[in-house]
């Protein structure tokens, strides 16, 4: 089975997510931005831990 559809979907999803994030980021105050960036860091580390545990 070929993974091109998955890779293309991941790329399109990340581009779409980044553009939506920039749109809403421009409309937020600094406190909300700080909360979101903290949550994003936690989510990123959780995701990386999950990926690392799968590869072991």
Protein backbone atom coordinates (compact mmCIF):
# COMPACT_ATOMS: atom_id res chain seq x y z
CA UNK A 1 0.00 0.00 0.00
CA UNK A 2 1.36 3.39 -0.84
CA UNK A 3 1.52 6.17 1.72
CA UNK A 4 1.39 9.18 -0.61
CA UNK A 5 -2.20 9.99 0.36
CA UNK A 6 -1.27 10.05 4.03
CA UNK A 7 1.80 12.23 3.45
CA UNK A 8 -0.14 14.67 1.28
CA UNK A 9 -2.92 14.85 3.87
CA UNK A 10 -0.43 15.53 6.65
CA UNK A 11 1.19 18.32 4.66
CA UNK A 12 -2.14 19.94 3.73
CA UNK A 13 -3.36 19.59 7.32
CA UNK A 14 -0.27 21.22 8.76
CA UNK A 15 -0.45 24.12 6.29
CA UNK A 16 -4.15 24.60 7.01
CA UNK A 17 -3.56 24.43 10.77
CA UNK A 18 -0.75 26.96 10.60
CA UNK A 19 -2.84 29.43 8.60
CA UNK A 20 -5.82 29.09 10.96
CA UNK A 21 -3.45 29.48 13.92
CA UNK A 22 -2.01 32.68 12.47
CA UNK A 23 -5.49 34.07 11.86
CA UNK A 24 -6.66 33.46 15.42
CA UNK A 25 -3.26 34.42 16.85
CA UNK A 26 -3.60 37.89 15.40
CA UNK A 27 -6.90 38.36 17.21
CA UNK A 28 -5.79 37.31 20.72
CA UNK A 29 -4.38 39.18 23.65
CA UNK A 30 -0.94 38.24 25.05
CA UNK A 31 -2.27 36.25 28.04
CA UNK A 32 -4.29 33.96 25.77
CA UNK A 33 -1.27 33.51 23.49
CA UNK A 34 0.86 32.51 26.47
CA UNK A 35 -1.69 29.93 27.63
CA UNK A 36 -1.99 28.44 24.15
CA UNK A 37 1.78 28.24 23.64
CA UNK A 38 2.16 26.48 27.01
CA UNK A 39 -0.54 23.98 26.08
CA UNK A 40 1.04 23.48 22.65
CA UNK A 41 4.41 22.69 24.25
CA UNK A 42 2.78 20.13 26.54
CA UNK A 43 0.91 18.56 23.62
CA UNK A 44 4.08 18.42 21.53
CA UNK A 45 6.05 16.68 24.26
CA UNK A 46 3.20 14.22 24.83
CA UNK A 47 3.03 13.48 21.12
CA UNK A 48 6.79 12.95 20.88
CA UNK A 49 6.72 10.62 23.90
CA UNK A 50 3.95 8.62 22.24
CA UNK A 51 5.84 8.38 18.96
CA UNK A 52 9.03 7.34 20.75
CA UNK A 53 7.20 4.62 22.69
CA UNK A 54 5.76 3.24 19.43
CA UNK A 55 9.21 3.03 17.83
CA UNK A 56 10.73 1.11 20.76
